[in-house]
Amino acid sequence: MPGSVSLKALADARGPGDARLKSSLVGISLLSVFFPVHAENWQITPSISVSETLTNNLFLSSSNRTGDLVTGITPGISINGQGARARLNLNYGLTQQLYARESSQNNRQNALTASGTLEAIEDFLFLDASGVISQQYLSAFGPTSPSIANIDNNRTETSSYSISPYVKGRFLSSTEYFLRYSTSTTSSQSSLASDMTMSQWVGRINGTTRWSSLGWSLDASRVSTNYDLGRDRTDTRYGLTLPYRFTPQFQLSAILGRETTNMVSLQDKTYNDSGFGLVWSPSPRTKLEGTMTRRYFGNGYQVAFSHRMRRSLIRYSASRDVSYQPAGVNYTGQGSNYDAYYAIVAANNPGASPQDIRAQVSQILQGRGVPADGTVVNGFLNNRPTLSTGQQLSLALLGVRNTVTFNASEVKQQPLGLVSGVTDDFSLANQITQRGAGVVWGHQLTGFTSLSLSLNQSRSLSQLASQVDNKTTGAYFLLTTQVSPNATANIGARRVIYDGAVNTSYTESALTGVLSYRF
């Protein structure tokens, strides 16, 4: 297949010593071979881009400011397949970074997002698979890189792969069942971060009763995690949920359950796991849903609110739950800004196909220089499970020639249990808070040219004897134009200010340019 040939060529180009890249490409090739052959429509799109970055602080140093010109060459491939029983979305790129002055720093970086679903047996057996290769931070209190061209010892390439078969169906006419098994592995190139494997069983049986407004659901799950630098953790939950719909717009649920875990102790302990849930949809444009349960760490909850107007969307979410790694490690979506504009475009084009909506959204984002991902808090790799309390607010406005996106989020993390022999951010801090906000304005100058301006700030704080407070502020300008039907170019400028501990603060200014071509 064309996709497999191109990937093999990339692997061979690295030489026999890079086992990590070759294993990654084997996984990509398996996805590209296995899923599209079952899809009715699929396409492979090779691409290449060349970037130039002129920075005045390559190493993000407060004292040894080194300027350099960095050339990035990125061959890539996109595979999209969609059929009645299979779907695959895959994007992969291999970036070769070449430094004009600091040639000893030349490196290669992989980037992958891939997800696929196969209906192996019609209406019964399904298979999900995913893969992500990304850059992740080792510490919440190290420097935050403006781009992958900078040399940053606080960042490492991280790979995550998962496979998940599941079955679902119906029996006794009104009863549904669902059973899923998932296994995943996460690893990085740094010895400071622990590799992790996780397996999970999730099962559910639900149905209706003689009272049409009352339903029932029996749920069970078991999660097993292992960090190379720590001990195995397990968590088993089971319970009964009784939802009652008072009106077509309002539903309230009672949750009764138990949970057995060794997350906070060396031995398994059993706790009550009870609470309530609600769903409120006063109109097709507004929805509020949430659950709250009393668990071994206190109250756990999930809340989501969204309100859509004709050309705008506002979303708010809050949660308190166990986290095993930052969301970016295994995230295969298009990004929060993409999702927001997808909802707006889909609502205004009820008869459009998903393919047409995706094309419109991509045109809006690319045509106005708006990033698909609106993440403002980066997170950091964990060597143990954490109790994560977070909230996020986002706003998207879509005009005829202008777009405005705003994102704000806060995440508080606390370690769960003690781990001997592990040194990380939690070795001295019993809580780490990360918060950030960013706004992006995009403007369509002509049918082929746009400009955007981005402003963002993020902070990391810890509760230590002497509190640590790191802050990163950045301003970004980007001018994008379409050179030909298959080629785009952009030029940009940025200014970043990092206020950290003594001798770690830095400022960086850079000019950038990128030329991309899709074959």
Protein backbone atom coordinates (compact mmCIF):
# COMPACT_ATOMS: atom_id res chain seq x y z
CA MET A 1 0.00 0.00 0.00
CA PRO A 2 1.25 3.53 -0.66
CA GLY A 3 0.98 4.57 2.97
CA SER A 4 3.05 1.62 4.20
CA VAL A 5 5.76 2.19 1.62
CA SER A 6 6.19 5.85 2.59
CA LEU A 7 6.38 5.01 6.30
CA LYS A 8 8.94 2.29 5.73
CA ALA A 9 11.07 4.71 3.77
CA LEU A 10 10.98 7.14 6.69
CA ALA A 11 12.01 4.40 9.09
CA ASP A 12 14.89 3.28 6.91
CA ALA A 13 16.10 6.87 6.67
CA ARG A 14 16.67 6.95 10.41
CA GLY A 15 19.04 4.02 10.38
CA PRO A 16 18.92 0.70 12.26
CA GLY A 17 19.66 2.18 15.68
CA ASP A 18 16.40 4.04 16.25
CA ALA A 19 14.14 1.31 17.56
CA ARG A 20 11.63 3.78 18.97
CA LEU A 21 10.82 5.33 15.58
CA LYS A 22 10.67 1.95 13.85
CA SER A 23 8.29 0.52 16.46
CA SER A 24 6.12 3.62 16.14
CA LEU A 25 5.98 3.28 12.38
CA VAL A 26 5.12 -0.41 12.67
CA GLY A 27 2.08 0.59 14.73
CA ILE A 28 1.15 3.28 12.21
CA SER A 29 1.50 0.84 9.33
CA LEU A 30 -0.69 -1.74 11.08
CA LEU A 31 -3.41 0.88 11.59
CA SER A 32 -3.17 2.09 7.99
CA VAL A 33 -3.32 -1.45 6.60
CA PHE A 34 -5.92 -2.92 8.94
CA PHE A 35 -8.62 -0.25 8.93
CA PRO A 36 -8.78 1.26 5.41
CA VAL A 37 -9.16 -2.11 3.67
CA HIS A 38 -12.53 -2.34 5.37
CA ALA A 39 -13.48 1.26 4.55
CA GLU A 40 -15.43 2.23 1.47
CA ASN A 41 -13.71 5.58 0.94
CA TRP A 42 -10.21 6.41 2.05
CA GLN A 43 -7.33 8.51 0.90
CA ILE A 44 -3.63 8.96 1.60
CA THR A 45 -2.21 12.49 1.43
CA PRO A 46 1.57 12.91 1.69
CA SER A 47 2.86 16.35 2.62
CA ILE A 48 6.07 18.23 3.32
CA SER A 49 6.76 21.48 5.12
CA VAL A 50 9.87 23.57 5.65
CA SER A 51 10.09 26.00 8.57
CA GLU A 52 12.60 28.65 9.55
CA THR A 53 12.93 30.02 13.09
CA LEU A 54 15.24 32.90 13.92
CA THR A 55 15.43 33.05 17.72
CA ASN A 56 17.50 35.19 20.04
CA ASN A 57 17.43 32.64 22.89
CA LEU A 58 17.74 29.08 21.62
CA PHE A 59 18.32 27.47 25.03
CA LEU A 60 15.75 29.60 26.91
CA SER A 61 18.50 30.78 29.24
CA SER A 62 18.56 33.73 31.61
CA SER A 63 22.33 34.28 31.25
CA ASN A 64 23.66 32.38 28.20
CA ARG A 65 21.48 33.88 25.46
CA THR A 66 22.36 32.12 22.20
CA GLY A 67 20.81 33.18 18.92
CA ASP A 68 20.38 30.71 16.08
CA LEU A 69 18.60 30.00 12.81
CA VAL A 70 16.71 26.71 12.96
CA THR A 71 15.49 24.88 9.87
CA GLY A 72 12.76 22.28 10.28
CA ILE A 73 11.97 19.80 7.51
CA THR A 74 8.81 17.75 8.09
CA PRO A 75 7.66 15.02 5.70
CA GLY A 76 4.24 13.81 6.75
CA ILE A 77 1.32 11.64 5.81
CA SER A 78 -2.42 11.83 6.43
CA ILE A 79 -4.68 8.79 6.09
CA ASN A 80 -8.45 9.11 6.28
CA GLY A 81 -10.85 6.25 5.75
CA GLN A 82 -14.60 6.15 6.28
CA GLY A 83 -16.93 3.27 5.56
CA ALA A 84 -20.01 1.53 6.82
CA ARG A 85 -17.99 -0.61 9.26
CA ALA A 86 -14.60 1.06 9.60
CA ARG A 87 -13.06 4.46 10.22
CA LEU A 88 -9.47 5.66 10.40
CA ASN A 89 -7.98 9.11 10.99
CA LEU A 90 -4.19 9.28 11.08
CA ASN A 91 -1.71 12.15 10.89
CA TYR A 92 2.02 11.59 11.21
CA GLY A 93 5.02 13.85 10.76
CA LEU A 94 8.77 13.46 11.27
CA THR A 95 10.60 16.74 11.83
CA GLN A 96 14.32 17.09 11.25
CA GLN A 97 15.66 20.12 13.13
CA LEU A 98 18.89 21.65 11.74
CA TYR A 99 20.71 24.35 13.72
CA ALA A 100 22.95 26.80 11.83
CA ARG A 101 25.26 27.53 14.81
CA GLU A 102 24.58 24.76 17.32
CA SER A 103 24.75 21.82 14.90
CA SER A 104 25.44 19.39 17.77
CA GLN A 105 21.81 19.93 18.80
CA ASN A 106 20.38 18.60 15.50
CA ASN A 107 17.51 16.23 16.30
CA ARG A 108 14.43 14.50 14.94
CA GLN A 109 10.98 14.60 16.49
CA ASN A 110 7.93 12.46 15.80
CA ALA A 111 4.31 13.65 15.96
CA LEU A 112 1.36 11.28 15.60
CA THR A 113 -2.37 11.30 16.24
CA ALA A 114 -4.22 8.19 15.08
CA SER A 115 -7.56 6.64 15.94
CA GLY A 116 -9.58 3.92 14.27
CA THR A 117 -12.75 1.92 14.81
CA LEU A 118 -13.66 -1.40 13.20
CA GLU A 119 -17.02 -3.16 13.37
CA ALA A 120 -15.67 -6.72 13.20
CA ILE A 121 -19.06 -8.41 13.63
CA GLU A 122 -22.06 -6.35 12.61
CA ASP A 123 -23.90 -4.78 15.55
CA PHE A 124 -21.92 -6.88 18.06
CA LEU A 125 -18.09 -6.88 18.13
CA PHE A 126 -16.09 -3.67 17.72
CA LEU A 127 -12.42 -2.70 17.97
CA ASP A 128 -10.96 0.73 18.80
CA ALA A 129 -7.27 1.54 18.45
CA SER A 130 -5.29 4.73 18.92
CA GLY A 131 -1.74 6.06 18.95
CA VAL A 132 -0.24 9.39 20.00
CA ILE A 133 3.34 10.68 19.87
CA SER A 134 3.77 14.16 21.35
CA GLN A 135 6.06 16.45 23.32
CA GLN A 136 5.27 16.48 27.05
CA TYR A 137 6.71 18.41 29.98
CA LEU A 138 8.60 16.66 32.77
CA SER A 139 7.95 19.29 35.45
CA ALA A 140 5.35 21.94 36.07
CA PHE A 141 8.13 24.28 37.23
CA GLY A 142 10.56 24.04 34.33
CA PRO A 143 10.64 26.38 31.32
CA THR A 144 7.74 26.34 28.87
CA SER A 145 8.99 26.12 25.28
CA PRO A 146 7.64 28.60 22.71
CA SER A 147 8.18 25.99 19.97
CA ILE A 148 9.75 22.61 19.28
CA ALA A 149 12.70 24.41 17.68
CA ASN A 150 13.98 25.55 21.08
CA ILE A 151 16.26 23.30 23.13
CA ASP A 152 14.40 22.51 26.36
CA ASN A 153 15.50 19.85 28.86
CA ASN A 154 12.08 20.04 30.49
CA ARG A 155 10.42 18.44 27.45
CA THR A 156 10.49 14.86 26.22
CA GLU A 157 8.94 12.86 23.39
CA THR A 158 6.18 10.63 24.72
CA SER A 159 4.36 7.75 23.01
CA SER A 160 1.02 6.25 23.95
CA TYR A 161 -0.79 3.35 22.24
CA SER A 162 -4.05 1.62 23.10
CA ILE A 163 -6.31 -1.10 21.78
CA SER A 164 -9.84 -1.74 22.98
CA PRO A 165 -12.23 -4.48 21.83
CA TYR A 166 -15.82 -4.32 23.01
CA VAL A 167 -19.21 -5.92 22.48
CA LYS A 168 -22.66 -4.41 22.77
CA GLY A 169 -26.18 -5.52 22.03
CA ARG A 170 -29.71 -6.01 23.25
CA PHE A 171 -31.73 -8.84 24.80
CA LEU A 172 -35.25 -9.21 26.19
CA SER A 173 -36.25 -6.37 23.82
CA SER A 174 -35.70 -3.58 26.40
CA THR A 175 -32.32 -4.47 27.95
CA GLU A 176 -28.95 -3.38 26.56
CA TYR A 177 -25.48 -4.66 27.46
CA PHE A 178 -21.95 -3.34 26.93
CA LEU A 179 -18.56 -4.87 27.78
CA ARG A 180 -15.19 -3.29 26.92
CA TYR A 181 -11.58 -4.26 27.59
CA SER A 182 -8.82 -1.68 27.08
CA THR A 183 -5.06 -1.93 27.35
CA SER A 184 -2.61 0.91 26.84
CA THR A 185 1.05 1.72 27.27
CA THR A 186 2.79 5.07 27.71
CA SER A 187 6.53 5.64 27.49
CA SER A 188 8.93 8.55 27.07
CA GLN A 189 12.53 9.14 26.08
CA SER A 190 13.44 10.53 29.51
CA SER A 191 14.62 8.44 32.46
CA LEU A 192 13.01 11.02 34.76
CA ALA A 193 9.50 9.94 33.71
CA SER A 194 8.05 6.55 34.50
CA ASP A 195 6.65 4.34 31.77
CA MET A 196 3.11 3.21 32.48
CA THR A 197 0.84 0.35 31.44
CA MET A 198 -2.87 0.29 32.14
CA SER A 199 -5.66 -2.22 31.59
CA GLN A 200 -9.35 -1.69 32.19
CA TRP A 201 -12.61 -3.63 32.13
CA VAL A 202 -15.90 -1.75 31.86
CA GLY A 203 -19.32 -3.40 31.81
CA ARG A 204 -22.90 -2.15 31.85
CA ILE A 205 -26.41 -3.59 31.66
CA ASN A 206 -29.29 -1.12 31.48
CA GLY A 207 -32.97 -1.14 30.69
CA THR A 208 -36.41 0.25 31.40
CA THR A 209 -39.12 -0.60 33.93
CA ARG A 210 -42.90 -0.81 33.86
CA TRP A 211 -42.85 2.87 34.78
CA SER A 212 -41.78 4.63 31.60
CA SER A 213 -40.04 7.48 33.43
CA LEU A 214 -37.84 5.14 35.53
CA GLY A 215 -34.82 3.29 34.19
CA TRP A 216 -31.99 1.27 35.68
CA SER A 217 -28.34 0.53 35.01
CA LEU A 218 -25.86 -1.92 36.56
CA ASP A 219 -22.25 -0.78 36.09
CA ALA A 220 -18.88 -2.33 36.94
CA SER A 221 -15.29 -1.41 36.17
CA ARG A 222 -11.75 -2.44 37.09
CA VAL A 223 -8.60 -0.44 36.38
CA SER A 224 -5.06 -1.77 36.87
CA THR A 225 -2.07 0.55 36.46
CA ASN A 226 1.66 0.00 36.77
CA TYR A 227 4.35 2.69 36.83
CA ASP A 228 7.92 1.46 36.30
CA LEU A 229 9.10 3.66 39.18
CA GLY A 230 6.29 2.67 41.55
CA ARG A 231 3.93 -0.08 42.59
CA ASP A 232 0.84 -1.57 40.96
CA ARG A 233 -2.49 0.16 41.64
CA THR A 234 -5.98 -1.29 41.20
CA ASP A 235 -9.44 0.18 41.51
CA THR A 236 -12.71 -1.76 41.26
CA ARG A 237 -16.14 -0.08 41.20
CA TYR A 238 -19.64 -1.46 40.87
CA GLY A 239 -23.02 0.06 41.42
CA LEU A 240 -26.66 0.64 40.53
CA THR A 241 -27.97 3.80 38.87
CA LEU A 242 -31.69 4.65 38.87
CA PRO A 243 -32.51 7.54 36.49
CA TYR A 244 -35.96 9.14 36.67
CA ARG A 245 -37.14 11.59 34.01
CA PHE A 246 -39.46 14.13 35.61
CA THR A 247 -40.01 16.04 32.35
CA PRO A 248 -38.62 15.66 28.82
CA GLN A 249 -36.06 18.31 29.78
CA PHE A 250 -35.06 17.17 33.28
CA GLN A 251 -33.73 13.88 34.62
CA LEU A 252 -32.39 13.02 38.08
CA SER A 253 -30.48 9.84 38.98
CA ALA A 254 -29.65 8.06 42.22
CA ILE A 255 -26.29 6.23 42.33
CA LEU A 256 -25.58 3.43 44.83
CA GLY A 257 -22.27 1.57 44.74
CA ARG A 258 -19.06 0.30 46.30
CA GLU A 259 -15.37 0.80 45.45
CA THR A 260 -12.34 -1.32 46.38
CA THR A 261 -8.89 0.16 45.83
CA ASN A 262 -5.27 0.32 46.99
CA MET A 263 -4.67 3.80 45.57
CA VAL A 264 -4.07 5.39 48.98
CA SER A 265 -2.98 2.33 50.98
CA LEU A 266 -0.78 -0.73 50.52
CA GLN A 267 -3.78 -3.05 50.97
CA ASP A 268 -7.17 -3.04 49.28
CA LYS A 269 -9.85 -1.14 51.16
CA THR A 270 -13.56 -0.89 50.37
CA TYR A 271 -15.54 2.35 50.41
CA ASN A 272 -19.09 3.50 49.68
CA ASP A 273 -19.50 4.99 46.19
CA SER A 274 -22.88 6.70 46.18
CA GLY A 275 -24.26 9.97 44.89
CA PHE A 276 -26.56 11.50 42.28
CA GLY A 277 -26.64 12.72 38.69
CA LEU A 278 -28.72 15.14 36.66
CA VAL A 279 -29.39 16.10 33.06
CA TRP A 280 -31.17 19.36 32.19
CA SER A 281 -31.84 20.46 28.61
CA PRO A 282 -34.19 23.48 28.69
CA SER A 283 -33.72 23.93 24.92
CA PRO A 284 -31.87 22.26 22.03
CA ARG A 285 -29.18 24.93 22.45
CA THR A 286 -28.56 24.56 26.18
CA LYS A 287 -27.51 21.53 28.20
CA LEU A 288 -26.30 20.90 31.74
CA GLU A 289 -25.29 17.47 32.97
CA GLY A 290 -23.31 16.23 35.93
CA THR A 291 -22.69 13.52 38.50
CA MET A 292 -21.42 13.64 42.07
CA THR A 293 -20.38 10.62 44.15
CA ARG A 294 -18.80 10.20 47.56
CA ARG A 295 -15.57 8.25 47.04
CA TYR A 296 -12.44 7.24 48.95
CA PHE A 297 -10.79 10.62 48.28
CA GLY A 298 -13.90 12.67 49.10
CA ASN A 299 -16.41 14.06 46.64
CA GLY A 300 -15.80 13.20 43.00
CA TYR A 301 -17.74 14.94 40.26
CA GLN A 302 -18.13 15.61 36.54
CA VAL A 303 -20.01 18.70 35.34
CA ALA A 304 -20.51 19.98 31.79
CA PHE A 305 -22.51 22.99 30.59
CA SER A 306 -22.89 24.32 27.06
CA HIS A 307 -24.98 27.06 25.47
CA ARG A 308 -25.01 27.68 21.75
CA MET A 309 -26.20 30.77 19.94
CA ARG A 310 -26.39 31.17 16.19
CA ARG A 311 -22.77 32.22 15.71
CA SER A 312 -21.21 31.48 19.09
CA LEU A 313 -20.73 28.78 21.69
CA ILE A 314 -19.87 28.86 25.39
CA ARG A 315 -18.77 25.80 27.34
CA TYR A 316 -17.86 25.16 30.96
CA SER A 317 -16.70 21.92 32.55
CA ALA A 318 -15.47 20.91 35.99
CA SER A 319 -14.25 17.62 37.40
CA ARG A 320 -12.62 15.97 40.40
CA ASP A 321 -11.28 12.50 39.71
CA VAL A 322 -8.18 10.33 39.58
CA SER A 323 -5.70 11.20 36.80
CA TYR A 324 -2.95 8.93 35.53
CA GLN A 325 -1.29 11.21 32.95
CA PRO A 326 -1.96 14.66 31.41
CA ALA A 327 -4.73 14.73 28.82
CA GLY A 328 -2.34 15.45 25.95
CA VAL A 329 -0.60 12.08 26.29
CA ASN A 330 -3.42 10.10 24.68
CA TYR A 331 -5.63 12.80 23.13
CA THR A 332 -6.56 11.95 19.51
CA GLY A 333 -9.13 14.71 18.88
CA GLN A 334 -8.73 17.71 16.62
CA GLY A 335 -8.63 20.24 19.47
CA SER A 336 -10.98 22.32 21.61
CA ASN A 337 -11.24 25.21 19.12
CA TYR A 338 -11.99 22.73 16.33
CA ASP A 339 -14.75 21.11 18.41
CA ALA A 340 -16.34 24.48 19.22
CA TYR A 341 -16.51 25.64 15.59
CA TYR A 342 -17.67 22.19 14.51
CA ALA A 343 -20.69 22.54 16.84
CA ILE A 344 -21.49 26.02 15.45
CA VAL A 345 -21.16 25.00 11.80
CA ALA A 346 -23.13 21.77 12.29
CA ALA A 347 -26.00 23.63 13.98
CA ASN A 348 -26.20 26.12 11.10
CA ASN A 349 -26.05 23.37 8.45
CA PRO A 350 -28.40 20.63 9.68
CA GLY A 351 -28.47 18.81 6.35
CA ALA A 352 -24.69 18.81 5.76
CA SER A 353 -22.67 15.61 5.94
CA PRO A 354 -19.92 15.20 8.57
CA GLN A 355 -17.33 15.39 5.78
CA ASP A 356 -18.70 18.74 4.57
CA ILE A 357 -18.80 20.12 8.12
CA ARG A 358 -15.21 19.06 8.77
CA ALA A 359 -14.14 20.73 5.53
CA GLN A 360 -15.87 23.98 6.51
CA VAL A 361 -14.33 23.97 9.97
CA SER A 362 -10.84 23.31 8.60
CA GLN A 363 -11.30 26.16 6.13
CA ILE A 364 -12.35 28.53 8.92
CA LEU A 365 -9.41 27.65 11.16
CA GLN A 366 -6.77 27.61 8.44
CA GLY A 367 -8.19 30.60 6.62
CA ARG A 368 -8.07 32.79 9.74
CA GLY A 369 -4.92 31.47 11.35
CA VAL A 370 -6.68 29.98 14.38
CA PRO A 371 -5.03 26.95 16.04
CA ALA A 372 -7.23 23.87 16.28
CA ASP A 373 -6.06 23.26 19.84
CA GLY A 374 -6.88 25.91 22.42
CA THR A 375 -5.03 24.29 25.33
CA VAL A 376 -3.63 26.86 27.76
CA VAL A 377 -2.44 24.50 30.53
CA ASN A 378 0.11 21.96 29.34
CA GLY A 379 0.26 19.53 32.26
CA PHE A 380 3.27 17.37 33.10
CA LEU A 381 4.15 13.68 33.22
CA ASN A 382 3.28 11.86 36.46
CA ASN A 383 5.11 9.01 38.17
CA ARG A 384 2.04 8.12 40.22
CA PRO A 385 -1.75 8.60 40.13
CA THR A 386 -2.99 12.00 41.27
CA LEU A 387 -6.23 13.49 42.47
CA SER A 388 -7.01 16.08 39.82
CA THR A 389 -9.49 18.92 40.30
CA GLY A 390 -10.05 21.03 37.21
CA GLN A 391 -12.31 23.48 35.49
CA GLN A 392 -12.32 24.91 32.00
CA LEU A 393 -14.20 27.76 30.28
CA SER A 394 -14.20 28.34 26.53
CA LEU A 395 -15.93 30.80 24.20
CA ALA A 396 -15.98 30.80 20.39
CA LEU A 397 -17.38 33.60 18.21
CA LEU A 398 -17.70 33.13 14.45
CA GLY A 399 -18.20 36.20 12.27
CA VAL A 400 -18.22 36.74 8.54
CA ARG A 401 -14.52 37.63 8.47
CA ASN A 402 -13.49 37.50 12.13
CA THR A 403 -13.24 34.83 14.79
CA VAL A 404 -12.51 35.17 18.49
CA THR A 405 -11.72 32.26 20.80
CA PHE A 406 -11.14 32.44 24.54
CA ASN A 407 -9.96 29.59 26.74
CA ALA A 408 -9.27 29.53 30.48
CA SER A 409 -8.53 26.55 32.69
CA GLU A 410 -7.25 25.56 36.11
CA VAL A 411 -5.98 22.17 37.29
CA LYS A 412 -5.02 21.25 40.87
CA GLN A 413 -3.21 17.97 41.45
CA GLN A 414 -2.42 16.09 44.65
CA PRO A 415 -0.46 12.81 44.87
CA LEU A 416 -2.39 9.68 45.85
CA GLY A 417 -0.44 7.60 48.34
CA LEU A 418 3.30 7.43 49.03
CA VAL A 419 5.81 6.02 46.54
CA SER A 420 9.32 5.20 47.78
CA GLY A 421 12.26 5.96 45.53
CA VAL A 422 10.34 8.38 43.29
CA THR A 423 11.57 11.94 42.84
CA ASP A 424 9.23 14.33 41.06
CA ASP A 425 7.32 17.57 41.58
CA PHE A 426 5.31 15.96 44.39
CA SER A 427 8.41 15.02 46.41
CA LEU A 428 8.13 18.36 48.24
CA ALA A 429 4.74 19.71 47.19
CA ASN A 430 1.44 18.31 48.43
CA GLN A 431 -0.49 20.25 45.77
CA ILE A 432 0.42 21.72 42.38
CA THR A 433 -1.87 24.24 40.68
CA GLN A 434 -1.66 25.14 37.00
CA ARG A 435 -3.87 27.82 35.53
CA GLY A 436 -3.90 29.71 32.27
CA ALA A 437 -5.91 31.81 29.84
CA GLY A 438 -5.57 32.67 26.18
CA VAL A 439 -7.39 34.62 23.49
CA VAL A 440 -6.98 34.33 19.70
CA TRP A 441 -8.33 36.83 17.16
CA GLY A 442 -8.40 35.70 13.56
CA HIS A 443 -9.23 37.95 10.59
CA GLN A 444 -9.79 37.01 6.94
CA LEU A 445 -8.02 39.71 4.91
CA THR A 446 -8.82 38.26 1.46
CA GLY A 447 -10.00 34.96 0.08
CA PHE A 448 -6.43 33.67 0.34
CA THR A 449 -4.80 35.65 3.17
CA SER A 450 -5.49 36.00 6.89
CA LEU A 451 -3.83 37.21 10.04
CA SER A 452 -4.16 36.25 13.69
CA LEU A 453 -3.03 37.58 17.03
CA SER A 454 -2.72 35.37 20.12
CA LEU A 455 -2.15 36.36 23.75
CA ASN A 456 -1.81 33.83 26.54
CA GLN A 457 -0.49 33.40 30.05
CA SER A 458 0.00 30.31 32.21
CA ARG A 459 1.14 29.84 35.81
CA SER A 460 2.32 26.95 37.96
CA LEU A 461 2.15 27.19 41.75
CA SER A 462 3.07 24.76 44.52
CA GLN A 463 2.44 24.62 48.23
CA LEU A 464 5.96 24.45 49.63
CA ALA A 465 7.68 25.98 52.65
CA SER A 466 8.53 28.79 50.21
CA GLN A 467 5.86 28.89 47.53
CA VAL A 468 6.98 28.47 43.92
CA ASP A 469 5.18 30.57 41.32
CA ASN A 470 6.26 30.32 37.67
CA LYS A 471 4.56 32.42 34.99
CA THR A 472 4.82 32.35 31.19
CA THR A 473 3.38 35.15 29.04
CA GLY A 474 3.37 35.06 25.26
CA ALA A 475 2.24 37.18 22.31
CA TYR A 476 2.09 35.66 18.80
CA PHE A 477 1.41 37.22 15.40
CA LEU A 478 0.81 35.13 12.26
CA LEU A 479 0.14 36.06 8.62
CA THR A 480 -1.05 33.14 6.47
CA THR A 481 -1.61 32.96 2.73
CA GLN A 482 -2.53 30.24 0.25
CA VAL A 483 0.14 30.16 -2.46
CA SER A 484 -1.59 27.53 -4.60
CA PRO A 485 -4.44 25.02 -4.17
CA ASN A 486 -2.02 22.66 -2.42
CA ALA A 487 0.48 25.05 -0.85
CA THR A 488 0.26 27.46 2.09
CA ALA A 489 2.81 29.80 3.63
CA ASN A 490 2.95 31.84 6.80
CA ILE A 491 5.25 34.26 8.55
CA GLY A 492 5.07 35.06 12.23
CA ALA A 493 6.63 36.78 15.20
CA ARG A 494 6.51 36.05 18.91
CA ARG A 495 7.61 37.43 22.25
CA VAL A 496 7.72 35.19 25.33
CA ILE A 497 8.50 36.16 28.92
CA TYR A 498 9.09 33.47 31.55
CA ASP A 499 9.24 34.45 35.24
CA GLY A 500 10.58 31.53 37.24
CA ALA A 501 12.90 30.87 40.12
CA VAL A 502 16.22 32.69 40.45
CA ASN A 503 18.50 32.16 37.41
CA THR A 504 15.74 30.42 35.42
CA SER A 505 13.75 33.41 34.11
CA TYR A 506 14.16 34.23 30.42
CA THR A 507 12.80 36.25 27.53
CA GLU A 508 12.71 35.11 23.90
CA SER A 509 11.86 36.81 20.62
CA ALA A 510 11.64 35.01 17.31
CA LEU A 511 10.66 35.36 13.68
CA THR A 512 9.20 32.32 11.94
CA GLY A 513 8.24 31.21 8.45
CA VAL A 514 6.66 28.01 7.14
CA LEU A 515 5.97 26.70 3.64
CA SER A 516 3.73 23.61 3.41
CA TYR A 517 2.72 21.52 0.41
CA ARG A 518 0.18 18.69 0.16
CA PHE A 519 0.64 16.23 -2.68
